[in-house]
Amino acid sequence: METTRTPEALVTVQKALENWKKTISETRDLGSGDTEPRWVATDTVRDIIAGRLPVIPNTASGWQLYCSMEGSENAAEQLHSAMQNLLEAVNNVKLLYHNELVELVSNYFDLER
């Protein structure tokens, strides 16, 4: 019986997605799990997958976090870093494994829009 191994590059994307999920969880009290920041992230990921130059926010207002709360700018930096890691991982695989990549990322972001 032959087993199918996941290419290492896709494993790297999976790790970046898990790191993104962890970052959202860690910054949820500052609004990262709300609708607006999720849309910002999803639009960014759509740009990445489509090969467009994404704008990755690096401020609390850019991510639409609770800007008046202490720690919101630090949370924005964490989100920026996690999304930048995802961008790098995706860019390493999107030409070779486009269909697999879209399927994997669709487990985390709604790409239908």
PDB file of N, CA and C in Angstrom:
ATOM      1  N   MET A   1       0.850  -1.180   0.000  1.00  0.00           N
ATOM      2  CA  MET A   1       0.000   0.000   0.000  1.00  0.00           C
ATOM      3  C   MET A   1       0.894   1.241   0.000  1.00  0.00           C
ATOM      4  N   GLU A   2       0.662   2.123  -0.948  1.00  0.00           N
ATOM      5  CA  GLU A   2       1.462   3.328  -1.071  1.00  0.00           C
ATOM      6  C   GLU A   2       0.800   4.471  -0.311  1.00  0.00           C
ATOM      7  N   THR A   3       1.589   5.186   0.466  1.00  0.00           N
ATOM      8  CA  THR A   3       1.064   6.351   1.164  1.00  0.00           C
ATOM      9  C   THR A   3       1.550   7.607   0.459  1.00  0.00           C
ATOM     10  N   THR A   4       0.737   8.628   0.513  1.00  0.00           N
ATOM     11  CA  THR A   4       1.084   9.892  -0.110  1.00  0.00           C
ATOM     12  C   THR A   4       1.667  10.810   0.950  1.00  0.00           C
ATOM     13  N   ARG A   5       2.877  11.282   0.690  1.00  0.00           N
ATOM     14  CA  ARG A   5       3.517  12.213   1.607  1.00  0.00           C
ATOM     15  C   ARG A   5       3.175  13.639   1.203  1.00  0.00           C
ATOM     16  N   THR A   6       2.935  14.460   2.188  1.00  0.00           N
ATOM     17  CA  THR A   6       2.708  15.872   1.922  1.00  0.00           C
ATOM     18  C   THR A   6       4.058  16.518   1.638  1.00  0.00           C
ATOM     19  N   PRO A   7       4.160  17.240   0.539  1.00  0.00           N
ATOM     20  CA  PRO A   7       5.424  17.915   0.241  1.00  0.00           C
ATOM     21  C   PRO A   7       5.843  18.841   1.383  1.00  0.00           C
ATOM     22  N   GLU A   8       7.126  18.902   1.663  1.00  0.00           N
ATOM     23  CA  GLU A   8       7.655  19.702   2.769  1.00  0.00           C
ATOM     24  C   GLU A   8       7.215  21.162   2.684  1.00  0.00           C
ATOM     25  N   ALA A   9       7.157  21.702   1.468  1.00  0.00           N
ATOM     26  CA  ALA A   9       6.741  23.096   1.319  1.00  0.00           C
ATOM     27  C   ALA A   9       5.314  23.311   1.815  1.00  0.00           C
ATOM     28  N   LEU A  10       4.437  22.334   1.571  1.00  0.00           N
ATOM     29  CA  LEU A  10       3.057  22.450   2.070  1.00  0.00           C
ATOM     30  C   LEU A  10       3.007  22.277   3.582  1.00  0.00           C
ATOM     31  N   VAL A  11       3.894  21.476   4.120  1.00  0.00           N
ATOM     32  CA  VAL A  11       3.986  21.339   5.580  1.00  0.00           C
ATOM     33  C   VAL A  11       4.357  22.693   6.188  1.00  0.00           C
ATOM     34  N   THR A  12       5.243  23.420   5.530  1.00  0.00           N
ATOM     35  CA  THR A  12       5.632  24.749   5.994  1.00  0.00           C
ATOM     36  C   THR A  12       4.442  25.704   5.975  1.00  0.00           C
ATOM     37  N   VAL A  13       3.619  25.613   4.946  1.00  0.00           N
ATOM     38  CA  VAL A  13       2.408  26.431   4.882  1.00  0.00           C
ATOM     39  C   VAL A  13       1.471  26.045   6.024  1.00  0.00           C
ATOM     40  N   GLN A  14       1.304  24.761   6.256  1.00  0.00           N
ATOM     41  CA  GLN A  14       0.442  24.294   7.355  1.00  0.00           C
ATOM     42  C   GLN A  14       0.924  24.858   8.687  1.00  0.00           C
ATOM     43  N   LYS A  15       2.229  24.846   8.901  1.00  0.00           N
ATOM     44  CA  LYS A  15       2.783  25.401  10.155  1.00  0.00           C
ATOM     45  C   LYS A  15       2.519  26.899  10.248  1.00  0.00           C
ATOM     46  N   ALA A  16       2.655  27.609   9.133  1.00  0.00           N
ATOM     47  CA  ALA A  16       2.385  29.046   9.131  1.00  0.00           C
ATOM     48  C   ALA A  16       0.908  29.320   9.419  1.00  0.00           C
ATOM     49  N   LEU A  17       0.023  28.492   8.873  1.00  0.00           N
ATOM     50  CA  LEU A  17      -1.409  28.638   9.143  1.00  0.00           C
ATOM     51  C   LEU A  17      -1.728  28.358  10.609  1.00  0.00           C
ATOM     52  N   GLU A  18      -1.107  27.339  11.169  1.00  0.00           N
ATOM     53  CA  GLU A  18      -1.308  27.030  12.593  1.00  0.00           C
ATOM     54  C   GLU A  18      -0.775  28.166  13.467  1.00  0.00           C
ATOM     55  N   ASN A  19       0.353  28.749  13.067  1.00  0.00           N
ATOM     56  CA  ASN A  19       0.899  29.887  13.803  1.00  0.00           C
ATOM     57  C   ASN A  19      -0.057  31.074  13.717  1.00  0.00           C
ATOM     58  N   TRP A  20      -0.658  31.288  12.545  1.00  0.00           N
ATOM     59  CA  TRP A  20      -1.649  32.352  12.391  1.00  0.00           C
ATOM     60  C   TRP A  20      -2.811  32.130  13.351  1.00  0.00           C
ATOM     61  N   LYS A  21      -3.306  30.910  13.373  1.00  0.00           N
ATOM     62  CA  LYS A  21      -4.438  30.564  14.246  1.00  0.00           C
ATOM     63  C   LYS A  21      -4.077  30.803  15.719  1.00  0.00           C
ATOM     64  N   LYS A  22      -2.868  30.434  16.083  1.00  0.00           N
ATOM     65  CA  LYS A  22      -2.392  30.638  17.463  1.00  0.00           C
ATOM     66  C   LYS A  22      -2.300  32.136  17.776  1.00  0.00           C
ATOM     67  N   THR A  23      -1.795  32.909  16.831  1.00  0.00           N
ATOM     68  CA  THR A  23      -1.666  34.349  17.039  1.00  0.00           C
ATOM     69  C   THR A  23      -3.036  34.993  17.225  1.00  0.00           C
ATOM     70  N   ILE A  24      -4.008  34.578  16.427  1.00  0.00           N
ATOM     71  CA  ILE A  24      -5.375  35.089  16.584  1.00  0.00           C
ATOM     72  C   ILE A  24      -5.895  34.758  17.987  1.00  0.00           C
ATOM     73  N   SER A  25      -5.668  33.546  18.420  1.00  0.00           N
ATOM     74  CA  SER A  25      -6.123  33.129  19.739  1.00  0.00           C
ATOM     75  C   SER A  25      -5.476  33.963  20.844  1.00  0.00           C
ATOM     76  N   GLU A  26      -4.194  34.228  20.695  1.00  0.00           N
ATOM     77  CA  GLU A  26      -3.456  34.977  21.722  1.00  0.00           C
ATOM     78  C   GLU A  26      -3.835  36.459  21.751  1.00  0.00           C
ATOM     79  N   THR A  27      -4.366  36.975  20.676  1.00  0.00           N
ATOM     80  CA  THR A  27      -4.703  38.403  20.614  1.00  0.00           C
ATOM     81  C   THR A  27      -6.214  38.646  20.530  1.00  0.00           C
ATOM     82  N   ARG A  28      -6.981  37.614  20.766  1.00  0.00           N
ATOM     83  CA  ARG A  28      -8.441  37.695  20.648  1.00  0.00           C
ATOM     84  C   ARG A  28      -9.045  38.777  21.555  1.00  0.00           C
ATOM     85  N   ASP A  29      -8.491  38.969  22.750  1.00  0.00           N
ATOM     86  CA  ASP A  29      -9.050  39.964  23.668  1.00  0.00           C
ATOM     87  C   ASP A  29      -8.853  41.397  23.158  1.00  0.00           C
ATOM     88  N   LEU A  30      -8.032  41.562  22.136  1.00  0.00           N
ATOM     89  CA  LEU A  30      -7.827  42.876  21.527  1.00  0.00           C
ATOM     90  C   LEU A  30      -8.592  43.011  20.212  1.00  0.00           C
ATOM     91  N   GLY A  31      -9.453  42.037  19.920  1.00  0.00           N
ATOM     92  CA  GLY A  31     -10.355  42.133  18.787  1.00  0.00           C
ATOM     93  C   GLY A  31      -9.961  41.358  17.547  1.00  0.00           C
ATOM     94  N   SER A  32      -8.871  40.593  17.598  1.00  0.00           N
ATOM     95  CA  SER A  32      -8.396  39.923  16.384  1.00  0.00           C
ATOM     96  C   SER A  32      -9.357  38.864  15.844  1.00  0.00           C
ATOM     97  N   GLY A  33     -10.239  38.377  16.676  1.00  0.00           N
ATOM     98  CA  GLY A  33     -11.197  37.368  16.227  1.00  0.00           C
ATOM     99  C   GLY A  33     -12.495  37.958  15.700  1.00  0.00           C
ATOM    100  N   ASP A  34     -12.607  39.276  15.734  1.00  0.00           N
ATOM    101  CA  ASP A  34     -13.823  39.937  15.265  1.00  0.00           C
ATOM    102  C   ASP A  34     -13.909  39.900  13.733  1.00  0.00           C
ATOM    103  N   THR A  35     -15.062  40.254  13.238  1.00  0.00           N
ATOM    104  CA  THR A  35     -15.321  40.202  11.799  1.00  0.00           C
ATOM    105  C   THR A  35     -14.353  41.057  10.995  1.00  0.00           C
ATOM    106  N   GLU A  36     -14.125  42.293  11.422  1.00  0.00           N
ATOM    107  CA  GLU A  36     -13.305  43.208  10.629  1.00  0.00           C
ATOM    108  C   GLU A  36     -11.870  42.706  10.449  1.00  0.00           C
ATOM    109  N   PRO A  37     -11.163  42.329  11.523  1.00  0.00           N
ATOM    110  CA  PRO A  37      -9.806  41.812  11.328  1.00  0.00           C
ATOM    111  C   PRO A  37      -9.774  40.513  10.514  1.00  0.00           C
ATOM    112  N   ARG A  38     -10.806  39.694  10.649  1.00  0.00           N
ATOM    113  CA  ARG A  38     -10.858  38.469   9.845  1.00  0.00           C
ATOM    114  C   ARG A  38     -10.973  38.805   8.362  1.00  0.00           C
ATOM    115  N   TRP A  39     -11.751  39.855   8.022  1.00  0.00           N
ATOM    116  CA  TRP A  39     -11.870  40.270   6.623  1.00  0.00           C
ATOM    117  C   TRP A  39     -10.555  40.833   6.106  1.00  0.00           C
ATOM    118  N   VAL A  40      -9.872  41.604   6.947  1.00  0.00           N
ATOM    119  CA  VAL A  40      -8.568  42.148   6.547  1.00  0.00           C
ATOM    120  C   VAL A  40      -7.625  40.986   6.223  1.00  0.00           C
ATOM    121  N   ALA A  41      -7.587  39.991   7.103  1.00  0.00           N
ATOM    122  CA  ALA A  41      -6.712  38.830   6.902  1.00  0.00           C
ATOM    123  C   ALA A  41      -7.117  38.046   5.659  1.00  0.00           C
ATOM    124  N   THR A  42      -8.408  37.823   5.487  1.00  0.00           N
ATOM    125  CA  THR A  42      -8.881  37.050   4.340  1.00  0.00           C
ATOM    126  C   THR A  42      -8.568  37.765   3.030  1.00  0.00           C
ATOM    127  N   ASP A  43      -8.778  39.073   2.989  1.00  0.00           N
ATOM    128  CA  ASP A  43      -8.441  39.831   1.773  1.00  0.00           C
ATOM    129  C   ASP A  43      -6.946  39.759   1.483  1.00  0.00           C
ATOM    130  N   THR A  44      -6.135  39.813   2.522  1.00  0.00           N
ATOM    131  CA  THR A  44      -4.684  39.709   2.358  1.00  0.00           C
ATOM    132  C   THR A  44      -4.311  38.345   1.792  1.00  0.00           C
ATOM    133  N   VAL A  45      -4.913  37.297   2.325  1.00  0.00           N
ATOM    134  CA  VAL A  45      -4.614  35.943   1.853  1.00  0.00           C
ATOM    135  C   VAL A  45      -5.088  35.763   0.407  1.00  0.00           C
ATOM    136  N   ARG A  46      -6.234  36.314   0.075  1.00  0.00           N
ATOM    137  CA  ARG A  46      -6.706  36.239  -1.322  1.00  0.00           C
ATOM    138  C   ARG A  46      -5.690  36.877  -2.268  1.00  0.00           C
ATOM    139  N   ASP A  47      -5.151  38.027  -1.869  1.00  0.00           N
ATOM    140  CA  ASP A  47      -4.128  38.683  -2.688  1.00  0.00           C
ATOM    141  C   ASP A  47      -2.892  37.802  -2.828  1.00  0.00           C
ATOM    142  N   ILE A  48      -2.479  37.198  -1.741  1.00  0.00           N
ATOM    143  CA  ILE A  48      -1.290  36.330  -1.767  1.00  0.00           C
ATOM    144  C   ILE A  48      -1.511  35.167  -2.731  1.00  0.00           C
ATOM    145  N   ILE A  49      -2.633  34.488  -2.598  1.00  0.00           N
ATOM    146  CA  ILE A  49      -2.934  33.324  -3.438  1.00  0.00           C
ATOM    147  C   ILE A  49      -3.033  33.730  -4.911  1.00  0.00           C
ATOM    148  N   ALA A  50      -3.591  34.912  -5.170  1.00  0.00           N
ATOM    149  CA  ALA A  50      -3.778  35.376  -6.541  1.00  0.00           C
ATOM    150  C   ALA A  50      -2.494  35.933  -7.157  1.00  0.00           C
ATOM    151  N   GLY A  51      -1.449  36.055  -6.349  1.00  0.00           N
ATOM    152  CA  GLY A  51      -0.192  36.573  -6.873  1.00  0.00           C
ATOM    153  C   GLY A  51      -0.115  38.087  -6.897  1.00  0.00           C
ATOM    154  N   ARG A  52      -1.069  38.739  -6.251  1.00  0.00           N
ATOM    155  CA  ARG A  52      -1.026  40.200  -6.148  1.00  0.00           C
ATOM    156  C   ARG A  52      -0.168  40.587  -4.944  1.00  0.00           C
ATOM    157  N   LEU A  53       0.406  41.763  -4.999  1.00  0.00           N
ATOM    158  CA  LEU A  53       1.214  42.260  -3.886  1.00  0.00           C
ATOM    159  C   LEU A  53       0.275  42.616  -2.737  1.00  0.00           C
ATOM    160  N   PRO A  54       0.334  41.870  -1.640  1.00  0.00           N
ATOM    161  CA  PRO A  54      -0.597  42.132  -0.543  1.00  0.00           C
ATOM    162  C   PRO A  54      -0.137  43.314   0.302  1.00  0.00           C
ATOM    163  N   VAL A  55      -1.091  43.970   0.897  1.00  0.00           N
ATOM    164  CA  VAL A  55      -0.800  44.990   1.899  1.00  0.00           C
ATOM    165  C   VAL A  55      -1.063  44.328   3.241  1.00  0.00           C
ATOM    166  N   ILE A  56      -0.002  44.116   3.991  1.00  0.00           N
ATOM    167  CA  ILE A  56      -0.139  43.483   5.298  1.00  0.00           C
ATOM    168  C   ILE A  56      -0.080  44.586   6.350  1.00  0.00           C
ATOM    169  N   PRO A  57      -1.195  44.841   7.026  1.00  0.00           N
ATOM    170  CA  PRO A  57      -1.215  45.914   8.017  1.00  0.00           C
ATOM    171  C   PRO A  57      -0.178  45.677   9.117  1.00  0.00           C
ATOM    172  N   ASN A  58       0.304  46.786   9.701  1.00  0.00           N
ATOM    173  CA  ASN A  58       1.229  46.661  10.824  1.00  0.00           C
ATOM    174  C   ASN A  58       0.828  47.562  11.984  1.00  0.00           C
ATOM    175  N   THR A  59      -0.401  48.054  11.940  1.00  0.00           N
ATOM    176  CA  THR A  59      -0.918  48.879  13.036  1.00  0.00           C
ATOM    177  C   THR A  59      -2.247  48.306  13.515  1.00  0.00           C
ATOM    178  N   ALA A  60      -2.615  48.706  14.714  1.00  0.00           N
ATOM    179  CA  ALA A  60      -3.900  48.264  15.266  1.00  0.00           C
ATOM    180  C   ALA A  60      -5.057  48.764  14.409  1.00  0.00           C
ATOM    181  N   SER A  61      -4.975  49.991  13.938  1.00  0.00           N
ATOM    182  CA  SER A  61      -6.067  50.503  13.105  1.00  0.00           C
ATOM    183  C   SER A  61      -6.092  49.795  11.749  1.00  0.00           C
ATOM    184  N   GLY A  62      -4.925  49.435  11.231  1.00  0.00           N
ATOM    185  CA  GLY A  62      -4.873  48.701   9.966  1.00  0.00           C
ATOM    186  C   GLY A  62      -5.532  47.341  10.064  1.00  0.00           C
ATOM    187  N   TRP A  63      -5.377  46.687  11.206  1.00  0.00           N
ATOM    188  CA  TRP A  63      -6.014  45.387  11.440  1.00  0.00           C
ATOM    189  C   TRP A  63      -7.440  45.553  11.971  1.00  0.00           C
ATOM    190  N   GLN A  64      -7.827  46.788  12.300  1.00  0.00           N
ATOM    191  CA  GLN A  64      -9.131  47.094  12.871  1.00  0.00           C
ATOM    192  C   GLN A  64      -9.320  46.416  14.229  1.00  0.00           C
ATOM    193  N   LEU A  65      -8.262  46.489  15.025  1.00  0.00           N
ATOM    194  CA  LEU A  65      -8.316  45.967  16.395  1.00  0.00           C
ATOM    195  C   LEU A  65      -8.922  47.030  17.315  1.00  0.00           C
ATOM    196  N   TYR A  66      -9.028  46.695  18.590  1.00  0.00           N
ATOM    197  CA  TYR A  66      -9.504  47.656  19.577  1.00  0.00           C
ATOM    198  C   TYR A  66      -8.344  48.608  19.874  1.00  0.00           C
ATOM    199  N   CYS A  67      -8.241  49.668  19.110  1.00  0.00           N
ATOM    200  CA  CYS A  67      -7.079  50.558  19.123  1.00  0.00           C
ATOM    201  C   CYS A  67      -6.842  51.255  20.452  1.00  0.00           C
ATOM    202  N   SER A  68      -7.891  51.498  21.203  1.00  0.00           N
ATOM    203  CA  SER A  68      -7.732  52.224  22.468  1.00  0.00           C
ATOM    204  C   SER A  68      -7.234  51.324  23.604  1.00  0.00           C
ATOM    205  N   MET A  69      -7.193  50.032  23.381  1.00  0.00           N
ATOM    206  CA  MET A  69      -6.763  49.114  24.435  1.00  0.00           C
ATOM    207  C   MET A  69      -5.246  48.985  24.459  1.00  0.00           C
ATOM    208  N   GLU A  70      -4.712  48.944  25.655  1.00  0.00           N
ATOM    209  CA  GLU A  70      -3.274  48.749  25.818  1.00  0.00           C
ATOM    210  C   GLU A  70      -2.886  47.391  25.224  1.00  0.00           C
ATOM    211  N   GLY A  71      -1.824  47.393  24.456  1.00  0.00           N
ATOM    212  CA  GLY A  71      -1.345  46.159  23.845  1.00  0.00           C
ATOM    213  C   GLY A  71      -1.819  45.960  22.416  1.00  0.00           C
ATOM    214  N   SER A  72      -2.691  46.852  21.931  1.00  0.00           N
ATOM    215  CA  SER A  72      -3.225  46.654  20.587  1.00  0.00           C
ATOM    216  C   SER A  72      -2.151  46.799  19.512  1.00  0.00           C
ATOM    217  N   GLU A  73      -1.205  47.706  19.685  1.00  0.00           N
ATOM    218  CA  GLU A  73      -0.139  47.857  18.693  1.00  0.00           C
ATOM    219  C   GLU A  73       0.793  46.644  18.701  1.00  0.00           C
ATOM    220  N   ASN A  74       1.040  46.095  19.872  1.00  0.00           N
ATOM    221  CA  ASN A  74       1.843  44.870  19.962  1.00  0.00           C
ATOM    222  C   ASN A  74       1.119  43.717  19.267  1.00  0.00           C
ATOM    223  N   ALA A  75      -0.178  43.634  19.470  1.00  0.00           N
ATOM    224  CA  ALA A  75      -0.978  42.597  18.800  1.00  0.00           C
ATOM    225  C   ALA A  75      -0.901  42.772  17.288  1.00  0.00           C
ATOM    226  N   ALA A  76      -0.959  44.018  16.819  1.00  0.00           N
ATOM    227  CA  ALA A  76      -0.865  44.284  15.384  1.00  0.00           C
ATOM    228  C   ALA A  76       0.481  43.818  14.832  1.00  0.00           C
ATOM    229  N   GLU A  77       1.545  44.031  15.577  1.00  0.00           N
ATOM    230  CA  GLU A  77       2.870  43.565  15.152  1.00  0.00           C
ATOM    231  C   GLU A  77       2.910  42.041  15.077  1.00  0.00           C
ATOM    232  N   GLN A  78       2.278  41.373  16.047  1.00  0.00           N
ATOM    233  CA  GLN A  78       2.225  39.904  16.033  1.00  0.00           C
ATOM    234  C   GLN A  78       1.448  39.402  14.819  1.00  0.00           C
ATOM    235  N   LEU A  79       0.322  40.035  14.524  1.00  0.00           N
ATOM    236  CA  LEU A  79      -0.481  39.647  13.364  1.00  0.00           C
ATOM    237  C   LEU A  79       0.300  39.896  12.072  1.00  0.00           C
ATOM    238  N   HIS A  80       0.972  41.020  11.994  1.00  0.00           N
ATOM    239  CA  HIS A  80       1.781  41.335  10.819  1.00  0.00           C
ATOM    240  C   HIS A  80       2.850  40.263  10.607  1.00  0.00           C
ATOM    241  N   SER A  81       3.540  39.926  11.660  1.00  0.00           N
ATOM    242  CA  SER A  81       4.608  38.923  11.577  1.00  0.00           C
ATOM    243  C   SER A  81       4.069  37.561  11.152  1.00  0.00           C
ATOM    244  N   ALA A  82       2.954  37.154  11.740  1.00  0.00           N
ATOM    245  CA  ALA A  82       2.359  35.858  11.394  1.00  0.00           C
ATOM    246  C   ALA A  82       1.898  35.838   9.935  1.00  0.00           C
ATOM    247  N   MET A  83       1.321  36.943   9.462  1.00  0.00           N
ATOM    248  CA  MET A  83       0.865  36.995   8.071  1.00  0.00           C
ATOM    249  C   MET A  83       2.064  37.049   7.122  1.00  0.00           C
ATOM    250  N   GLN A  84       3.121  37.737   7.513  1.00  0.00           N
ATOM    251  CA  GLN A  84       4.331  37.786   6.691  1.00  0.00           C
ATOM    252  C   GLN A  84       4.928  36.381   6.552  1.00  0.00           C
ATOM    253  N   ASN A  85       4.933  35.616   7.639  1.00  0.00           N
ATOM    254  CA  ASN A  85       5.415  34.227   7.586  1.00  0.00           C
ATOM    255  C   ASN A  85       4.567  33.391   6.645  1.00  0.00           C
ATOM    256  N   LEU A  86       3.257  33.604   6.687  1.00  0.00           N
ATOM    257  CA  LEU A  86       2.362  32.881   5.789  1.00  0.00           C
ATOM    258  C   LEU A  86       2.636  33.279   4.336  1.00  0.00           C
ATOM    259  N   LEU A  87       2.825  34.560   4.087  1.00  0.00           N
ATOM    260  CA  LEU A  87       3.143  35.032   2.735  1.00  0.00           C
ATOM    261  C   LEU A  87       4.384  34.334   2.195  1.00  0.00           C
ATOM    262  N   GLU A  88       5.433  34.279   2.997  1.00  0.00           N
ATOM    263  CA  GLU A  88       6.674  33.644   2.560  1.00  0.00           C
ATOM    264  C   GLU A  88       6.475  32.155   2.284  1.00  0.00           C
ATOM    265  N   ALA A  89       5.730  31.484   3.151  1.00  0.00           N
ATOM    266  CA  ALA A  89       5.482  30.051   2.961  1.00  0.00           C
ATOM    267  C   ALA A  89       4.681  29.803   1.688  1.00  0.00           C
ATOM    268  N   VAL A  90       3.642  30.605   1.475  1.00  0.00           N
ATOM    269  CA  VAL A  90       2.796  30.445   0.293  1.00  0.00           C
ATOM    270  C   VAL A  90       3.590  30.728  -0.982  1.00  0.00           C
ATOM    271  N   ASN A  91       4.380  31.773  -0.961  1.00  0.00           N
ATOM    272  CA  ASN A  91       5.157  32.122  -2.151  1.00  0.00           C
ATOM    273  C   ASN A  91       6.121  31.010  -2.556  1.00  0.00           C
ATOM    274  N   ASN A  92       6.533  30.190  -1.610  1.00  0.00           N
ATOM    275  CA  ASN A  92       7.441  29.091  -1.916  1.00  0.00           C
ATOM    276  C   ASN A  92       6.755  27.908  -2.587  1.00  0.00           C
ATOM    277  N   VAL A  93       5.424  27.861  -2.567  1.00  0.00           N
ATOM    278  CA  VAL A  93       4.745  26.687  -3.116  1.00  0.00           C
ATOM    279  C   VAL A  93       3.664  26.983  -4.143  1.00  0.00           C
ATOM    280  N   LYS A  94       3.253  28.216  -4.299  1.00  0.00           N
ATOM    281  CA  LYS A  94       2.034  28.461  -5.068  1.00  0.00           C
ATOM    282  C   LYS A  94       2.115  28.058  -6.529  1.00  0.00           C
ATOM    283  N   LEU A  95       3.285  28.019  -7.114  1.00  0.00           N
ATOM    284  CA  LEU A  95       3.368  27.597  -8.514  1.00  0.00           C
ATOM    285  C   LEU A  95       3.367  26.077  -8.657  1.00  0.00           C
ATOM    286  N   LEU A  96       4.058  25.390  -7.766  1.00  0.00           N
ATOM    287  CA  LEU A  96       4.152  23.932  -7.858  1.00  0.00           C
ATOM    288  C   LEU A  96       2.906  23.208  -7.360  1.00  0.00           C
ATOM    289  N   TYR A  97       2.295  23.735  -6.322  1.00  0.00           N
ATOM    290  CA  TYR A  97       1.189  23.026  -5.660  1.00  0.00           C
ATOM    291  C   TYR A  97      -0.027  23.933  -5.503  1.00  0.00           C
ATOM    292  N   HIS A  98      -0.395  24.654  -6.552  1.00  0.00           N
ATOM    293  CA  HIS A  98      -1.463  25.644  -6.440  1.00  0.00           C
ATOM    294  C   HIS A  98      -2.775  25.043  -5.926  1.00  0.00           C
ATOM    295  N   ASN A  99      -3.243  23.969  -6.522  1.00  0.00           N
ATOM    296  CA  ASN A  99      -4.524  23.380  -6.110  1.00  0.00           C
ATOM    297  C   ASN A  99      -4.483  22.901  -4.666  1.00  0.00           C
ATOM    298  N   GLU A 100      -3.401  22.233  -4.292  1.00  0.00           N
ATOM    299  CA  GLU A 100      -3.255  21.749  -2.922  1.00  0.00           C
ATOM    300  C   GLU A 100      -3.180  22.914  -1.945  1.00  0.00           C
ATOM    301  N   LEU A 101      -2.489  23.969  -2.369  1.00  0.00           N
ATOM    302  CA  LEU A 101      -2.349  25.161  -1.537  1.00  0.00           C
ATOM    303  C   LEU A 101      -3.704  25.816  -1.286  1.00  0.00           C
ATOM    304  N   VAL A 102      -4.487  25.989  -2.336  1.00  0.00           N
ATOM    305  CA  VAL A 102      -5.811  26.598  -2.191  1.00  0.00           C
ATOM    306  C   VAL A 102      -6.680  25.756  -1.266  1.00  0.00           C
ATOM    307  N   GLU A 103      -6.632  24.454  -1.416  1.00  0.00           N
ATOM    308  CA  GLU A 103      -7.412  23.572  -0.543  1.00  0.00           C
ATOM    309  C   GLU A 103      -6.991  23.720   0.916  1.00  0.00           C
ATOM    310  N   LEU A 104      -5.692  23.730   1.167  1.00  0.00           N
ATOM    311  CA  LEU A 104      -5.172  23.861   2.522  1.00  0.00           C
ATOM    312  C   LEU A 104      -5.560  25.201   3.141  1.00  0.00           C
ATOM    313  N   VAL A 105      -5.329  26.280   2.428  1.00  0.00           N
ATOM    314  CA  VAL A 105      -5.624  27.614   2.948  1.00  0.00           C
ATOM    315  C   VAL A 105      -7.124  27.812   3.133  1.00  0.00           C
ATOM    316  N   SER A 106      -7.932  27.182   2.300  1.00  0.00           N
ATOM    317  CA  SER A 106      -9.387  27.291   2.425  1.00  0.00           C
ATOM    318  C   SER A 106      -9.912  26.717   3.729  1.00  0.00           C
ATOM    319  N   ASN A 107      -9.129  25.892   4.386  1.00  0.00           N
ATOM    320  CA  ASN A 107      -9.522  25.388   5.702  1.00  0.00           C
ATOM    321  C   ASN A 107      -9.451  26.474   6.773  1.00  0.00           C
ATOM    322  N   TYR A 108      -8.748  27.563   6.479  1.00  0.00           N
ATOM    323  CA  TYR A 108      -8.545  28.640   7.450  1.00  0.00           C
ATOM    324  C   TYR A 108      -9.198  29.959   7.033  1.00  0.00           C
ATOM    325  N   PHE A 109      -9.314  30.191   5.717  1.00  0.00           N
ATOM    326  CA  PHE A 109      -9.830  31.441   5.197  1.00  0.00           C
ATOM    327  C   PHE A 109     -10.874  31.149   4.121  1.00  0.00           C
ATOM    328  N   ASP A 110     -11.908  31.982   4.064  1.00  0.00           N
ATOM    329  CA  ASP A 110     -12.937  31.861   3.038  1.00  0.00           C
ATOM    330  C   ASP A 110     -12.424  32.531   1.770  1.00  0.00           C
ATOM    331  N   LEU A 111     -11.995  31.752   0.803  1.00  0.00           N
ATOM    332  CA  LEU A 111     -11.429  32.293  -0.433  1.00  0.00           C
ATOM    333  C   LEU A 111     -12.480  32.510  -1.503  1.00  0.00           C
ATOM    334  N   GLU A 112     -13.716  32.141  -1.243  1.00  0.00           N
ATOM    335  CA  GLU A 112     -14.818  32.285  -2.206  1.00  0.00           C
ATOM    336  C   GLU A 112     -15.429  33.661  -2.073  1.00  0.00           C
ATOM    337  N   ARG A 113     -15.026  34.597  -2.944  1.00  0.00           N
ATOM    338  CA  ARG A 113     -15.625  35.923  -2.905  1.00  0.00           C
ATOM    339  C   ARG A 113     -15.231  36.695  -4.088  1.00  0.00           C
TER     340      ARG A 113
END
